[in-house]
Amino acid sequence: MLTTISPIIPDNFIWMFFSFALFRLFDIFKPFPINLIDKKVGAFYIIFDDILAGIFALITLQLLYFIYTMIPFLIIFQKFWIF
């Protein structure tokens, strides 16, 4: 869980909730590289799959925060689009 804490993302309750929720989702469902680590035996692999879940959650949270902060920018400059 501590691997999802980032100095870029604001530290309010909503982002901390998303951080915890994403970490738990990645820890429970274990996408591709995490499920390979989870199948191995040993204490290192038990901890390492949690670290990978935290890193995945951090990357996802950074992308969500980037999209969240870019929406006002995109709305303001929508009239300049050529589409």
C-alpha atoms as a PDB file:
ATOM      1  CA  MET A   1       0.000   0.000   0.000  1.00  0.00           C
ATOM      2  CA  LEU A   2       2.811   2.426   0.740  1.00  0.00           C
ATOM      3  CA  THR A   3       4.167   2.019  -2.778  1.00  0.00           C
ATOM      4  CA  THR A   4       1.105   3.846  -4.133  1.00  0.00           C
ATOM      5  CA  ILE A   5       1.917   7.043  -2.216  1.00  0.00           C
ATOM      6  CA  SER A   6       3.315   9.642  -4.579  1.00  0.00           C
ATOM      7  CA  PRO A   7       4.482  13.225  -4.047  1.00  0.00           C
ATOM      8  CA  ILE A   8       2.710  14.246  -7.261  1.00  0.00           C
ATOM      9  CA  ILE A   9      -0.786  13.154  -6.227  1.00  0.00           C
ATOM     10  CA  PRO A  10      -2.522  15.296  -3.576  1.00  0.00           C
ATOM     11  CA  ASP A  11      -2.907  13.641  -0.198  1.00  0.00           C
ATOM     12  CA  ASN A  12      -6.606  13.965   0.462  1.00  0.00           C
ATOM     13  CA  PHE A  13      -9.090  11.254   1.388  1.00  0.00           C
ATOM     14  CA  ILE A  14     -10.420  10.660  -2.127  1.00  0.00           C
ATOM     15  CA  TRP A  15      -7.024   9.961  -3.706  1.00  0.00           C
ATOM     16  CA  MET A  16      -5.995   7.802  -0.753  1.00  0.00           C
ATOM     17  CA  PHE A  17      -9.210   5.800  -1.162  1.00  0.00           C
ATOM     18  CA  PHE A  18      -8.498   5.319  -4.892  1.00  0.00           C
ATOM     19  CA  SER A  19      -4.951   4.329  -4.005  1.00  0.00           C
ATOM     20  CA  PHE A  20      -6.111   1.673  -1.561  1.00  0.00           C
ATOM     21  CA  ALA A  21      -8.872   0.430  -3.888  1.00  0.00           C
ATOM     22  CA  LEU A  22      -6.513   0.093  -6.858  1.00  0.00           C
ATOM     23  CA  PHE A  23      -3.915  -1.681  -4.734  1.00  0.00           C
ATOM     24  CA  ARG A  24      -6.499  -4.175  -3.478  1.00  0.00           C
ATOM     25  CA  LEU A  25      -7.845  -4.752  -7.015  1.00  0.00           C
ATOM     26  CA  PHE A  26      -4.392  -5.479  -8.386  1.00  0.00           C
ATOM     27  CA  ASP A  27      -3.558  -7.600  -5.339  1.00  0.00           C
ATOM     28  CA  ILE A  28      -6.745  -9.694  -5.614  1.00  0.00           C
ATOM     29  CA  PHE A  29      -7.021 -10.134  -9.401  1.00  0.00           C
ATOM     30  CA  LYS A  30      -3.242 -10.327 -10.072  1.00  0.00           C
ATOM     31  CA  PRO A  31      -2.715  -9.312 -13.726  1.00  0.00           C
ATOM     32  CA  PHE A  32      -0.047 -10.893 -15.956  1.00  0.00           C
ATOM     33  CA  PRO A  33       3.339 -10.355 -14.332  1.00  0.00           C
ATOM     34  CA  ILE A  34       1.959 -10.500 -10.798  1.00  0.00           C
ATOM     35  CA  ASN A  35       0.314 -13.902 -11.263  1.00  0.00           C
ATOM     36  CA  LEU A  36       3.632 -15.419 -12.381  1.00  0.00           C
ATOM     37  CA  ILE A  37       5.365 -14.148  -9.222  1.00  0.00           C
ATOM     38  CA  ASP A  38       2.453 -15.324  -7.062  1.00  0.00           C
ATOM     39  CA  LYS A  39       2.851 -18.934  -8.251  1.00  0.00           C
ATOM     40  CA  LYS A  40       6.437 -19.169  -6.995  1.00  0.00           C
ATOM     41  CA  VAL A  41       7.169 -20.471  -3.508  1.00  0.00           C
ATOM     42  CA  GLY A  42       9.030 -18.445  -0.915  1.00  0.00           C
ATOM     43  CA  ALA A  43       8.721 -15.475   1.384  1.00  0.00           C
ATOM     44  CA  PHE A  44      10.410 -13.143  -1.102  1.00  0.00           C
ATOM     45  CA  TYR A  45       7.761 -13.845  -3.753  1.00  0.00           C
ATOM     46  CA  ILE A  46       4.918 -13.325  -1.290  1.00  0.00           C
ATOM     47  CA  ILE A  47       6.191  -9.829  -0.555  1.00  0.00           C
ATOM     48  CA  PHE A  48       7.278  -9.116  -4.130  1.00  0.00           C
ATOM     49  CA  ASP A  49       3.805  -9.680  -5.607  1.00  0.00           C
ATOM     50  CA  ASP A  50       2.428  -7.096  -3.165  1.00  0.00           C
ATOM     51  CA  ILE A  51       5.144  -4.656  -4.204  1.00  0.00           C
ATOM     52  CA  LEU A  52       4.276  -5.213  -7.864  1.00  0.00           C
ATOM     53  CA  ALA A  53       0.582  -4.683  -7.117  1.00  0.00           C
ATOM     54  CA  GLY A  54       1.504  -1.388  -5.437  1.00  0.00           C
ATOM     55  CA  ILE A  55       3.605  -0.314  -8.411  1.00  0.00           C
ATOM     56  CA  PHE A  56       0.777  -1.162 -10.813  1.00  0.00           C
ATOM     57  CA  ALA A  57      -1.638   0.812  -8.643  1.00  0.00           C
ATOM     58  CA  LEU A  58       0.783   3.749  -8.562  1.00  0.00           C
ATOM     59  CA  ILE A  59       1.102   3.815 -12.352  1.00  0.00           C
ATOM     60  CA  THR A  60      -2.675   3.593 -12.776  1.00  0.00           C
ATOM     61  CA  LEU A  61      -3.221   6.311 -10.176  1.00  0.00           C
ATOM     62  CA  GLN A  62      -0.681   8.579 -11.900  1.00  0.00           C
ATOM     63  CA  LEU A  63      -2.520   8.109 -15.212  1.00  0.00           C
ATOM     64  CA  LEU A  64      -5.882   8.838 -13.590  1.00  0.00           C
ATOM     65  CA  TYR A  65      -4.487  11.971 -11.959  1.00  0.00           C
ATOM     66  CA  PHE A  66      -2.975  13.119 -15.256  1.00  0.00           C
ATOM     67  CA  ILE A  67      -6.325  12.676 -17.017  1.00  0.00           C
ATOM     68  CA  TYR A  68      -8.124  14.402 -14.129  1.00  0.00           C
ATOM     69  CA  THR A  69      -5.843  17.430 -14.320  1.00  0.00           C
ATOM     70  CA  MET A  70      -5.913  17.591 -18.130  1.00  0.00           C
ATOM     71  CA  ILE A  71      -9.725  17.693 -18.472  1.00  0.00           C
ATOM     72  CA  PRO A  72     -10.034  21.441 -17.642  1.00  0.00           C
ATOM     73  CA  PHE A  73      -7.137  22.182 -20.004  1.00  0.00           C
ATOM     74  CA  LEU A  74      -8.807  20.242 -22.823  1.00  0.00           C
ATOM     75  CA  ILE A  75     -12.166  21.927 -22.248  1.00  0.00           C
ATOM     76  CA  ILE A  76     -10.633  25.415 -22.275  1.00  0.00           C
ATOM     77  CA  PHE A  77      -8.667  24.847 -25.476  1.00  0.00           C
ATOM     78  CA  GLN A  78     -11.376  22.868 -27.254  1.00  0.00           C
ATOM     79  CA  LYS A  79     -12.245  25.816 -29.503  1.00  0.00           C
ATOM     80  CA  PHE A  80      -8.721  25.767 -30.924  1.00  0.00           C
ATOM     81  CA  TRP A  81      -8.971  22.185 -32.125  1.00  0.00           C
ATOM     82  CA  ILE A  82      -9.040  21.708 -35.875  1.00  0.00           C
ATOM     83  CA  PHE A  83     -11.235  18.606 -35.906  1.00  0.00           C
END
